[in-house]
PDB file of N, CA and C in Angstrom:
ATOM      1  N   MET A   1       0.827  -1.190  -0.002  1.00  0.00           N
ATOM      2  CA  MET A   1       0.000   0.002  -0.002  1.00  0.00           C
ATOM      3  C   MET A   1       0.865   1.247   0.000  1.00  0.00           C
ATOM      4  N   ALA A   2       1.884   1.260   0.833  1.00  0.00           N
ATOM      5  CA  ALA A   2       2.775   2.416   0.900  1.00  0.00           C
ATOM      6  C   ALA A   2       3.489   2.601  -0.423  1.00  0.00           C
ATOM      7  N   ASP A   3       3.823   1.482  -1.066  1.00  0.00           N
ATOM      8  CA  ASP A   3       4.497   1.558  -2.357  1.00  0.00           C
ATOM      9  C   ASP A   3       3.601   2.228  -3.384  1.00  0.00           C
ATOM     10  N   LYS A   4       2.321   1.921  -3.355  1.00  0.00           N
ATOM     11  CA  LYS A   4       1.351   2.483  -4.308  1.00  0.00           C
ATOM     12  C   LYS A   4       1.159   3.987  -4.074  1.00  0.00           C
ATOM     13  N   SER A   5       1.112   4.437  -2.819  1.00  0.00           N
ATOM     14  CA  SER A   5       0.909   5.858  -2.546  1.00  0.00           C
ATOM     15  C   SER A   5       2.143   6.683  -2.920  1.00  0.00           C
ATOM     16  N   ILE A   6       3.320   6.086  -2.882  1.00  0.00           N
ATOM     17  CA  ILE A   6       4.525   6.806  -3.281  1.00  0.00           C
ATOM     18  C   ILE A   6       4.517   7.050  -4.776  1.00  0.00           C
ATOM     19  N   LYS A   7       4.100   6.069  -5.525  1.00  0.00           N
ATOM     20  CA  LYS A   7       4.082   6.202  -6.981  1.00  0.00           C
ATOM     21  C   LYS A   7       2.964   7.122  -7.441  1.00  0.00           C
ATOM     22  N   ARG A   8       1.866   7.149  -6.749  1.00  0.00           N
ATOM     23  CA  ARG A   8       0.720   7.961  -7.163  1.00  0.00           C
ATOM     24  C   ARG A   8       0.815   9.326  -6.471  1.00  0.00           C
ATOM     25  N   PRO A   9       1.094  10.369  -7.223  1.00  0.00           N
ATOM     26  CA  PRO A   9       1.197  11.696  -6.601  1.00  0.00           C
ATOM     27  C   PRO A   9      -0.168  12.186  -6.137  1.00  0.00           C
ATOM     28  N   ASN A  10      -0.199  12.775  -4.970  1.00  0.00           N
ATOM     29  CA  ASN A  10      -1.453  13.290  -4.441  1.00  0.00           C
ATOM     30  C   ASN A  10      -1.512  14.816  -4.512  1.00  0.00           C
ATOM     31  N   GLY A  11      -0.501  15.431  -5.100  1.00  0.00           N
ATOM     32  CA  GLY A  11      -0.521  16.883  -5.268  1.00  0.00           C
ATOM     33  C   GLY A  11       0.221  17.649  -4.195  1.00  0.00           C
ATOM     34  N   TRP A  12       0.536  16.982  -3.085  1.00  0.00           N
ATOM     35  CA  TRP A  12       1.205  17.696  -1.998  1.00  0.00           C
ATOM     36  C   TRP A  12       2.617  18.114  -2.369  1.00  0.00           C
ATOM     37  N   GLY A  13       3.289  17.286  -3.147  1.00  0.00           N
ATOM     38  CA  GLY A  13       4.650  17.611  -3.579  1.00  0.00           C
ATOM     39  C   GLY A  13       4.668  18.871  -4.436  1.00  0.00           C
ATOM     40  N   GLU A  14       3.716  18.946  -5.343  1.00  0.00           N
ATOM     41  CA  GLU A  14       3.612  20.136  -6.205  1.00  0.00           C
ATOM     42  C   GLU A  14       3.263  21.366  -5.367  1.00  0.00           C
ATOM     43  N   TRP A  15       2.337  21.183  -4.449  1.00  0.00           N
ATOM     44  CA  TRP A  15       1.925  22.300  -3.594  1.00  0.00           C
ATOM     45  C   TRP A  15       3.088  22.790  -2.725  1.00  0.00           C
ATOM     46  N   ALA A  16       3.843  21.859  -2.166  1.00  0.00           N
ATOM     47  CA  ALA A  16       4.998  22.212  -1.342  1.00  0.00           C
ATOM     48  C   ALA A  16       6.031  22.959  -2.173  1.00  0.00           C
ATOM     49  N   HIS A  17       6.253  22.529  -3.401  1.00  0.00           N
ATOM     50  CA  HIS A  17       7.197  23.198  -4.288  1.00  0.00           C
ATOM     51  C   HIS A  17       6.733  24.625  -4.589  1.00  0.00           C
ATOM     52  N   LYS A  18       5.440  24.794  -4.832  1.00  0.00           N
ATOM     53  CA  LYS A  18       4.897  26.125  -5.100  1.00  0.00           C
ATOM     54  C   LYS A  18       5.026  27.034  -3.875  1.00  0.00           C
ATOM     55  N   VAL A  19       4.726  26.495  -2.708  1.00  0.00           N
ATOM     56  CA  VAL A  19       4.811  27.280  -1.471  1.00  0.00           C
ATOM     57  C   VAL A  19       6.253  27.701  -1.209  1.00  0.00           C
ATOM     58  N   LEU A  20       7.193  26.791  -1.389  1.00  0.00           N
ATOM     59  CA  LEU A  20       8.600  27.138  -1.195  1.00  0.00           C
ATOM     60  C   LEU A  20       9.058  28.202  -2.180  1.00  0.00           C
ATOM     61  N   GLY A  21       8.595  28.100  -3.414  1.00  0.00           N
ATOM     62  CA  GLY A  21       8.921  29.123  -4.416  1.00  0.00           C
ATOM     63  C   GLY A  21       8.359  30.477  -4.021  1.00  0.00           C
ATOM     64  N   ASP A  22       7.126  30.489  -3.534  1.00  0.00           N
ATOM     65  CA  ASP A  22       6.513  31.742  -3.089  1.00  0.00           C
ATOM     66  C   ASP A  22       7.264  32.332  -1.892  1.00  0.00           C
ATOM     67  N   LEU A  23       7.675  31.474  -0.963  1.00  0.00           N
ATOM     68  CA  LEU A  23       8.430  31.952   0.199  1.00  0.00           C
ATOM     69  C   LEU A  23       9.763  32.564  -0.219  1.00  0.00           C
ATOM     70  N   GLU A  24      10.440  31.939  -1.156  1.00  0.00           N
ATOM     71  CA  GLU A  24      11.710  32.495  -1.640  1.00  0.00           C
ATOM     72  C   GLU A  24      11.496  33.839  -2.323  1.00  0.00           C
ATOM     73  N   ARG A  25      10.439  33.937  -3.116  1.00  0.00           N
ATOM     74  CA  ARG A  25      10.133  35.194  -3.802  1.00  0.00           C
ATOM     75  C   ARG A  25       9.817  36.292  -2.796  1.00  0.00           C
ATOM     76  N   LEU A  26       9.013  35.974  -1.782  1.00  0.00           N
ATOM     77  CA  LEU A  26       8.669  36.951  -0.756  1.00  0.00           C
ATOM     78  C   LEU A  26       9.887  37.354   0.069  1.00  0.00           C
ATOM     79  N   GLU A  27      10.777  36.413   0.330  1.00  0.00           N
ATOM     80  CA  GLU A  27      11.994  36.729   1.079  1.00  0.00           C
ATOM     81  C   GLU A  27      12.871  37.695   0.286  1.00  0.00           C
ATOM     82  N   GLU A  28      12.968  37.476  -1.030  1.00  0.00           N
ATOM     83  CA  GLU A  28      13.725  38.387  -1.883  1.00  0.00           C
ATOM     84  C   GLU A  28      13.123  39.782  -1.861  1.00  0.00           C
ATOM     85  N   ALA A  29      11.804  39.863  -1.977  1.00  0.00           N
ATOM     86  CA  ALA A  29      11.128  41.156  -1.957  1.00  0.00           C
ATOM     87  C   ALA A  29      11.330  41.854  -0.617  1.00  0.00           C
ATOM     88  N   GLN A  30      11.257  41.121   0.466  1.00  0.00           N
ATOM     89  CA  GLN A  30      11.468  41.704   1.793  1.00  0.00           C
ATOM     90  C   GLN A  30      12.898  42.197   1.943  1.00  0.00           C
ATOM     91  N   SER A  31      13.847  41.451   1.420  1.00  0.00           N
ATOM     92  CA  SER A  31      15.248  41.845   1.489  1.00  0.00           C
ATOM     93  C   SER A  31      15.476  43.145   0.725  1.00  0.00           C
ATOM     94  N   LYS A  32      14.886  43.252  -0.467  1.00  0.00           N
ATOM     95  CA  LYS A  32      15.013  44.490  -1.257  1.00  0.00           C
ATOM     96  C   LYS A  32      14.372  45.668  -0.530  1.00  0.00           C
ATOM     97  N   THR A  33      13.219  45.440   0.077  1.00  0.00           N
ATOM     98  CA  THR A  33      12.535  46.494   0.812  1.00  0.00           C
ATOM     99  C   THR A  33      13.363  46.946   2.012  1.00  0.00           C
ATOM    100  N   THR A  34      13.956  46.000   2.714  1.00  0.00           N
ATOM    101  CA  THR A  34      14.801  46.325   3.861  1.00  0.00           C
ATOM    102  C   THR A  34      16.005  47.149   3.434  1.00  0.00           C
ATOM    103  N   LYS A  35      16.625  46.771   2.315  1.00  0.00           N
ATOM    104  CA  LYS A  35      17.759  47.542   1.803  1.00  0.00           C
ATOM    105  C   LYS A  35      17.330  48.963   1.436  1.00  0.00           C
ATOM    106  N   SER A  36      16.159  49.094   0.822  1.00  0.00           N
ATOM    107  CA  SER A  36      15.651  50.415   0.455  1.00  0.00           C
ATOM    108  C   SER A  36      15.392  51.268   1.698  1.00  0.00           C
ATOM    109  N   ILE A  37      14.819  50.680   2.710  1.00  0.00           N
ATOM    110  CA  ILE A  37      14.546  51.409   3.958  1.00  0.00           C
ATOM    111  C   ILE A  37      15.853  51.846   4.610  1.00  0.00           C
ATOM    112  N   ASN A  38      16.838  50.957   4.630  1.00  0.00           N
ATOM    113  CA  ASN A  38      18.136  51.318   5.214  1.00  0.00           C
ATOM    114  C   ASN A  38      18.788  52.464   4.446  1.00  0.00           C
ATOM    115  N   GLN A  39      18.669  52.452   3.117  1.00  0.00           N
ATOM    116  CA  GLN A  39      19.231  53.533   2.311  1.00  0.00           C
ATOM    117  C   GLN A  39      18.501  54.844   2.601  1.00  0.00           C
ATOM    118  N   LEU A  40      17.185  54.786   2.778  1.00  0.00           N
ATOM    119  CA  LEU A  40      16.428  55.992   3.113  1.00  0.00           C
ATOM    120  C   LEU A  40      16.841  56.539   4.481  1.00  0.00           C
ATOM    121  N   ILE A  41      17.095  55.666   5.430  1.00  0.00           N
ATOM    122  CA  ILE A  41      17.545  56.100   6.759  1.00  0.00           C
ATOM    123  C   ILE A  41      18.874  56.835   6.645  1.00  0.00           C
ATOM    124  N   ILE A  42      19.777  56.303   5.843  1.00  0.00           N
ATOM    125  CA  ILE A  42      21.076  56.951   5.637  1.00  0.00           C
ATOM    126  C   ILE A  42      20.900  58.297   4.957  1.00  0.00           C
ATOM    127  N   ASP A  43      20.048  58.341   3.925  1.00  0.00           N
ATOM    128  CA  ASP A  43      19.808  59.602   3.210  1.00  0.00           C
ATOM    129  C   ASP A  43      19.218  60.667   4.136  1.00  0.00           C
ATOM    130  N   ILE A  44      18.303  60.280   4.993  1.00  0.00           N
ATOM    131  CA  ILE A  44      17.697  61.232   5.932  1.00  0.00           C
ATOM    132  C   ILE A  44      18.747  61.743   6.917  1.00  0.00           C
ATOM    133  N   ALA A  45      19.605  60.872   7.387  1.00  0.00           N
ATOM    134  CA  ALA A  45      20.662  61.290   8.321  1.00  0.00           C
ATOM    135  C   ALA A  45      21.606  62.285   7.651  1.00  0.00           C
ATOM    136  N   VAL A  46      21.953  62.034   6.392  1.00  0.00           N
ATOM    137  CA  VAL A  46      22.820  62.952   5.661  1.00  0.00           C
ATOM    138  C   VAL A  46      22.136  64.308   5.496  1.00  0.00           C
ATOM    139  N   LEU A  47      20.858  64.297   5.131  1.00  0.00           N
ATOM    140  CA  LEU A  47      20.127  65.556   4.960  1.00  0.00           C
ATOM    141  C   LEU A  47      20.021  66.334   6.270  1.00  0.00           C
ATOM    142  N   LYS A  48      19.794  65.637   7.370  1.00  0.00           N
ATOM    143  CA  LYS A  48      19.733  66.305   8.676  1.00  0.00           C
ATOM    144  C   LYS A  48      21.074  66.950   9.011  1.00  0.00           C
ATOM    145  N   THR A  49      22.156  66.237   8.732  1.00  0.00           N
ATOM    146  CA  THR A  49      23.488  66.779   9.010  1.00  0.00           C
ATOM    147  C   THR A  49      23.754  68.015   8.161  1.00  0.00           C
ATOM    148  N   ARG A  50      23.423  67.950   6.889  1.00  0.00           N
ATOM    149  CA  ARG A  50      23.621  69.105   6.007  1.00  0.00           C
ATOM    150  C   ARG A  50      22.775  70.288   6.452  1.00  0.00           C
ATOM    151  N   ALA A  51      21.539  70.023   6.829  1.00  0.00           N
ATOM    152  CA  ALA A  51      20.650  71.103   7.275  1.00  0.00           C
ATOM    153  C   ALA A  51      21.180  71.735   8.559  1.00  0.00           C
ATOM    154  N   SER A  52      21.676  70.933   9.467  1.00  0.00           N
ATOM    155  CA  SER A  52      22.232  71.456  10.712  1.00  0.00           C
ATOM    156  C   SER A  52      23.459  72.319  10.435  1.00  0.00           C
ATOM    157  N   PHE A  53      24.319  71.846   9.558  1.00  0.00           N
ATOM    158  CA  PHE A  53      25.516  72.604   9.212  1.00  0.00           C
ATOM    159  C   PHE A  53      25.138  73.921   8.533  1.00  0.00           C
ATOM    160  N   ALA A  54      24.198  73.872   7.599  1.00  0.00           N
ATOM    161  CA  ALA A  54      23.763  75.091   6.911  1.00  0.00           C
ATOM    162  C   ALA A  54      23.137  76.066   7.900  1.00  0.00           C
ATOM    163  N   GLY A  55      22.358  75.583   8.837  1.00  0.00           N
ATOM    164  CA  GLY A  55      21.760  76.439   9.855  1.00  0.00           C
ATOM    165  C   GLY A  55      22.803  77.077  10.750  1.00  0.00           C
ATOM    166  N   ALA A  56      23.818  76.314  11.106  1.00  0.00           N
ATOM    167  CA  ALA A  56      24.890  76.855  11.951  1.00  0.00           C
ATOM    168  C   ALA A  56      25.664  77.933  11.208  1.00  0.00           C
ATOM    169  N   VAL A  57      25.963  77.705   9.951  1.00  0.00           N
ATOM    170  CA  VAL A  57      26.688  78.702   9.154  1.00  0.00           C
ATOM    171  C   VAL A  57      25.846  79.957   8.979  1.00  0.00           C
ATOM    172  N   ALA A  58      24.584  79.775   8.619  1.00  0.00           N
ATOM    173  CA  ALA A  58      23.709  80.943   8.429  1.00  0.00           C
ATOM    174  C   ALA A  58      23.543  81.720   9.726  1.00  0.00           C
ATOM    175  N   GLY A  59      23.385  81.019  10.831  1.00  0.00           N
ATOM    176  CA  GLY A  59      23.262  81.701  12.128  1.00  0.00           C
ATOM    177  C   GLY A  59      24.519  82.466  12.486  1.00  0.00           C
ATOM    178  N   SER A  60      25.665  81.883  12.195  1.00  0.00           N
ATOM    179  CA  SER A  60      26.933  82.563  12.477  1.00  0.00           C
ATOM    180  C   SER A  60      27.100  83.806  11.611  1.00  0.00           C
ATOM    181  N   VAL A  61      26.719  83.706  10.354  1.00  0.00           N
ATOM    182  CA  VAL A  61      26.820  84.867   9.456  1.00  0.00           C
ATOM    183  C   VAL A  61      25.933  85.996   9.958  1.00  0.00           C
ATOM    184  N   TRP A  62      24.692  85.678  10.292  1.00  0.00           N
ATOM    185  CA  TRP A  62      23.780  86.722  10.785  1.00  0.00           C
ATOM    186  C   TRP A  62      24.264  87.300  12.108  1.00  0.00           C
ATOM    187  N   ALA A  63      24.784  86.461  12.968  1.00  0.00           N
ATOM    188  CA  ALA A  63      25.315  86.951  14.241  1.00  0.00           C
ATOM    189  C   ALA A  63      26.491  87.889  13.994  1.00  0.00           C
ATOM    190  N   GLY A  64      27.357  87.565  13.060  1.00  0.00           N
ATOM    191  CA  GLY A  64      28.485  88.429  12.716  1.00  0.00           C
ATOM    192  C   GLY A  64      28.031  89.753  12.142  1.00  0.00           C
ATOM    193  N   ILE A  65      27.058  89.736  11.266  1.00  0.00           N
ATOM    194  CA  ILE A  65      26.541  90.967  10.658  1.00  0.00           C
ATOM    195  C   ILE A  65      25.910  91.863  11.722  1.00  0.00           C
ATOM    196  N   ILE A  66      25.070  91.284  12.545  1.00  0.00           N
ATOM    197  CA  ILE A  66      24.384  92.071  13.588  1.00  0.00           C
ATOM    198  C   ILE A  66      25.394  92.624  14.593  1.00  0.00           C
ATOM    199  N   THR A  67      26.363  91.805  14.977  1.00  0.00           N
ATOM    200  CA  THR A  67      27.385  92.275  15.918  1.00  0.00           C
ATOM    201  C   THR A  67      28.180  93.426  15.311  1.00  0.00           C
ATOM    202  N   THR A  68      28.533  93.313  14.047  1.00  0.00           N
ATOM    203  CA  THR A  68      29.272  94.380  13.375  1.00  0.00           C
ATOM    204  C   THR A  68      28.457  95.670  13.334  1.00  0.00           C
ATOM    205  N   ILE A  69      27.197  95.575  13.000  1.00  0.00           N
ATOM    206  CA  ILE A  69      26.334  96.763  12.944  1.00  0.00           C
ATOM    207  C   ILE A  69      26.209  97.392  14.324  1.00  0.00           C
ATOM    208  N   VAL A  70      25.975  96.585  15.345  1.00  0.00           N
ATOM    209  CA  VAL A  70      25.849  97.108  16.704  1.00  0.00           C
ATOM    210  C   VAL A  70      27.142  97.794  17.137  1.00  0.00           C
ATOM    211  N   LEU A  71      28.284  97.181  16.872  1.00  0.00           N
ATOM    212  CA  LEU A  71      29.564  97.791  17.244  1.00  0.00           C
ATOM    213  C   LEU A  71      29.803  99.084  16.496  1.00  0.00           C
ATOM    214  N   LEU A  72      29.429  99.137  15.218  1.00  0.00           N
ATOM    215  CA  LEU A  72      29.591 100.377  14.450  1.00  0.00           C
ATOM    216  C   LEU A  72      28.690 101.478  14.996  1.00  0.00           C
ATOM    217  N   VAL A  73      27.449 101.123  15.314  1.00  0.00           N
ATOM    218  CA  VAL A  73      26.515 102.116  15.853  1.00  0.00           C
ATOM    219  C   VAL A  73      27.004 102.616  17.205  1.00  0.00           C
ATOM    220  N   VAL A  74      27.444 101.736  18.068  1.00  0.00           N
ATOM    221  CA  VAL A  74      27.915 102.137  19.396  1.00  0.00           C
ATOM    222  C   VAL A  74      29.194 102.971  19.295  1.00  0.00           C
ATOM    223  N   HIS A  75      30.061 102.592  18.396  1.00  0.00           N
ATOM    224  CA  HIS A  75      31.343 103.279  18.269  1.00  0.00           C
ATOM    225  C   HIS A  75      31.212 104.671  17.649  1.00  0.00           C
ATOM    226  N   PHE A  76      30.360 104.820  16.631  1.00  0.00           N
ATOM    227  CA  PHE A  76      30.261 106.088  15.916  1.00  0.00           C
ATOM    228  C   PHE A  76      29.160 106.994  16.434  1.00  0.00           C
ATOM    229  N   PHE A  77      28.258 106.485  17.203  1.00  0.00           N
ATOM    230  CA  PHE A  77      27.154 107.352  17.662  1.00  0.00           C
ATOM    231  C   PHE A  77      27.160 107.448  19.117  1.00  0.00           C
TER     232      PHE A  77
END
Protein backbone atom coordinates (compact mmCIF):
# COMPACT_ATOMS: atom_id res chain seq x y z
CA MET A 1 0.00 0.00 0.00
CA ALA A 2 2.78 2.42 0.90
CA ASP A 3 4.50 1.56 -2.36
CA LYS A 4 1.35 2.48 -4.31
CA SER A 5 0.91 5.86 -2.55
CA ILE A 6 4.52 6.81 -3.28
CA LYS A 7 4.08 6.20 -6.98
CA ARG A 8 0.72 7.96 -7.16
CA PRO A 9 1.20 11.69 -6.60
CA ASN A 10 -1.45 13.29 -4.44
CA GLY A 11 -0.52 16.88 -5.27
CA TRP A 12 1.21 17.70 -2.00
CA GLY A 13 4.65 17.61 -3.58
CA GLU A 14 3.61 20.14 -6.20
CA TRP A 15 1.92 22.30 -3.59
CA ALA A 16 5.00 22.21 -1.34
CA HIS A 17 7.20 23.20 -4.29
CA LYS A 18 4.90 26.12 -5.10
CA VAL A 19 4.81 27.28 -1.47
CA LEU A 20 8.60 27.14 -1.19
CA GLY A 21 8.92 29.12 -4.42
CA ASP A 22 6.51 31.74 -3.09
CA LEU A 23 8.43 31.95 0.20
CA GLU A 24 11.71 32.49 -1.64
CA ARG A 25 10.13 35.19 -3.80
CA LEU A 26 8.67 36.95 -0.75
CA GLU A 27 11.99 36.73 1.08
CA GLU A 28 13.73 38.38 -1.88
CA ALA A 29 11.13 41.15 -1.96
CA GLN A 30 11.47 41.70 1.79
CA SER A 31 15.25 41.84 1.49
CA LYS A 32 15.01 44.49 -1.26
CA THR A 33 12.54 46.50 0.81
CA THR A 34 14.80 46.33 3.86
CA LYS A 35 17.76 47.54 1.80
CA SER A 36 15.65 50.42 0.46
CA ILE A 37 14.54 51.41 3.96
CA ASN A 38 18.14 51.32 5.22
CA GLN A 39 19.23 53.53 2.31
CA LEU A 40 16.43 55.99 3.11
CA ILE A 41 17.55 56.10 6.76
CA ILE A 42 21.08 56.95 5.64
CA ASP A 43 19.81 59.60 3.21
CA ILE A 44 17.70 61.23 5.93
CA ALA A 45 20.66 61.29 8.32
CA VAL A 46 22.82 62.95 5.66
CA LEU A 47 20.13 65.56 4.96
CA LYS A 48 19.73 66.30 8.68
CA THR A 49 23.49 66.78 9.01
CA ARG A 50 23.62 69.11 6.01
CA ALA A 51 20.65 71.10 7.27
CA SER A 52 22.23 71.46 10.71
CA PHE A 53 25.52 72.60 9.21
CA ALA A 54 23.76 75.09 6.91
CA GLY A 55 21.76 76.44 9.86
CA ALA A 56 24.89 76.86 11.95
CA VAL A 57 26.69 78.70 9.15
CA ALA A 58 23.71 80.94 8.43
CA GLY A 59 23.26 81.70 12.13
CA SER A 60 26.93 82.56 12.48
CA VAL A 61 26.82 84.86 9.46
CA TRP A 62 23.78 86.72 10.78
CA ALA A 63 25.32 86.95 14.24
CA GLY A 64 28.49 88.43 12.72
CA ILE A 65 26.54 90.97 10.66
CA ILE A 66 24.38 92.07 13.59
CA THR A 67 27.39 92.27 15.92
CA THR A 68 29.27 94.38 13.38
CA ILE A 69 26.33 96.76 12.94
CA VAL A 70 25.85 97.11 16.70
CA LEU A 71 29.56 97.79 17.24
CA LEU A 72 29.59 100.38 14.45
CA VAL A 73 26.52 102.11 15.85
CA VAL A 74 27.92 102.13 19.40
CA HIS A 75 31.34 103.28 18.27
CA PHE A 76 30.26 106.09 15.92
CA PHE A 77 27.15 107.35 17.66
